[in-house]
Amino acid sequence: MASSSAYSCSTKKTCGQMTSCEEAQYHLKECGNGQLDRDNDGVPCEAICN
């Protein structure tokens, strides 16, 4: 499991740029990147986090 330090909020990413569900969750929760959770169900990038 990757630690939070492996990810950075310095660049805003899209789901297509995520390498894992963990990374997508980090960007949603820690970076406030709400565009990753289009249906507002708390699950970012449904294509990789299902």
C-alpha atoms as a PDB file:
ATOM      1  CA  MET A   1       0.000   0.000   0.000  1.00  0.00           C
ATOM      2  CA  ALA A   2       1.387   3.367  -1.003  1.00  0.00           C
ATOM      3  CA  SER A   3       1.822   6.041   1.612  1.00  0.00           C
ATOM      4  CA  SER A   4       0.330   9.507   1.260  1.00  0.00           C
ATOM      5  CA  SER A   5       3.781  10.910   0.585  1.00  0.00           C
ATOM      6  CA  ALA A   6       3.822   9.011  -2.716  1.00  0.00           C
ATOM      7  CA  TYR A   7       1.165  11.385  -4.048  1.00  0.00           C
ATOM      8  CA  SER A   8       1.155  15.126  -4.468  1.00  0.00           C
ATOM      9  CA  CYS A   9      -1.592  17.724  -4.782  1.00  0.00           C
ATOM     10  CA  SER A  10       0.688  19.989  -6.801  1.00  0.00           C
ATOM     11  CA  THR A  11      -0.886  18.941 -10.099  1.00  0.00           C
ATOM     12  CA  LYS A  12      -4.586  18.411 -10.557  1.00  0.00           C
ATOM     13  CA  LYS A  13      -5.164  15.077 -12.204  1.00  0.00           C
ATOM     14  CA  THR A  14      -7.995  13.487 -14.109  1.00  0.00           C
ATOM     15  CA  CYS A  15      -9.127   9.889 -13.739  1.00  0.00           C
ATOM     16  CA  GLY A  16      -7.276   9.022 -16.928  1.00  0.00           C
ATOM     17  CA  GLN A  17      -4.015  10.074 -15.277  1.00  0.00           C
ATOM     18  CA  MET A  18      -4.484   8.008 -12.113  1.00  0.00           C
ATOM     19  CA  THR A  19      -2.355   4.900 -11.756  1.00  0.00           C
ATOM     20  CA  SER A  20      -4.433   3.296  -8.995  1.00  0.00           C
ATOM     21  CA  CYS A  21      -7.636   3.567  -7.027  1.00  0.00           C
ATOM     22  CA  GLU A  22      -5.567   4.566  -3.977  1.00  0.00           C
ATOM     23  CA  GLU A  23      -4.138   7.512  -5.881  1.00  0.00           C
ATOM     24  CA  ALA A  24      -7.609   8.579  -6.992  1.00  0.00           C
ATOM     25  CA  GLN A  25      -8.890   8.373  -3.410  1.00  0.00           C
ATOM     26  CA  TYR A  26      -5.961  10.468  -2.195  1.00  0.00           C
ATOM     27  CA  HIS A  27      -6.658  13.200  -4.748  1.00  0.00           C
ATOM     28  CA  LEU A  28     -10.352  13.213  -3.861  1.00  0.00           C
ATOM     29  CA  LYS A  29      -9.952  13.223  -0.069  1.00  0.00           C
ATOM     30  CA  GLU A  30      -6.651  15.002   0.548  1.00  0.00           C
ATOM     31  CA  CYS A  31      -6.550  17.380  -2.415  1.00  0.00           C
ATOM     32  CA  GLY A  32     -10.254  18.131  -2.673  1.00  0.00           C
ATOM     33  CA  ASN A  33     -10.360  17.202  -6.349  1.00  0.00           C
ATOM     34  CA  GLY A  34     -14.132  16.765  -6.551  1.00  0.00           C
ATOM     35  CA  GLN A  35     -14.145  16.327 -10.313  1.00  0.00           C
ATOM     36  CA  LEU A  36     -12.937  12.756  -9.746  1.00  0.00           C
ATOM     37  CA  ASP A  37     -16.280  11.850  -8.124  1.00  0.00           C
ATOM     38  CA  ARG A  38     -18.800  12.967 -10.723  1.00  0.00           C
ATOM     39  CA  ASP A  39     -21.813  11.287  -9.115  1.00  0.00           C
ATOM     40  CA  ASN A  40     -20.882  12.374  -5.563  1.00  0.00           C
ATOM     41  CA  ASP A  41     -21.061   8.885  -4.086  1.00  0.00           C
ATOM     42  CA  GLY A  42     -17.657   9.097  -2.399  1.00  0.00           C
ATOM     43  CA  VAL A  43     -16.013   6.773  -4.934  1.00  0.00           C
ATOM     44  CA  PRO A  44     -13.570   8.508  -7.281  1.00  0.00           C
ATOM     45  CA  CYS A  45     -12.920   7.258 -10.808  1.00  0.00           C
ATOM     46  CA  GLU A  46     -15.480   4.458 -10.927  1.00  0.00           C
ATOM     47  CA  ALA A  47     -13.635   2.885 -13.868  1.00  0.00           C
ATOM     48  CA  ILE A  48     -10.708   1.934 -11.588  1.00  0.00           C
ATOM     49  CA  CYS A  49     -12.381   2.021  -8.152  1.00  0.00           C
ATOM     50  CA  ASN A  50     -15.261  -0.402  -8.479  1.00  0.00           C
END
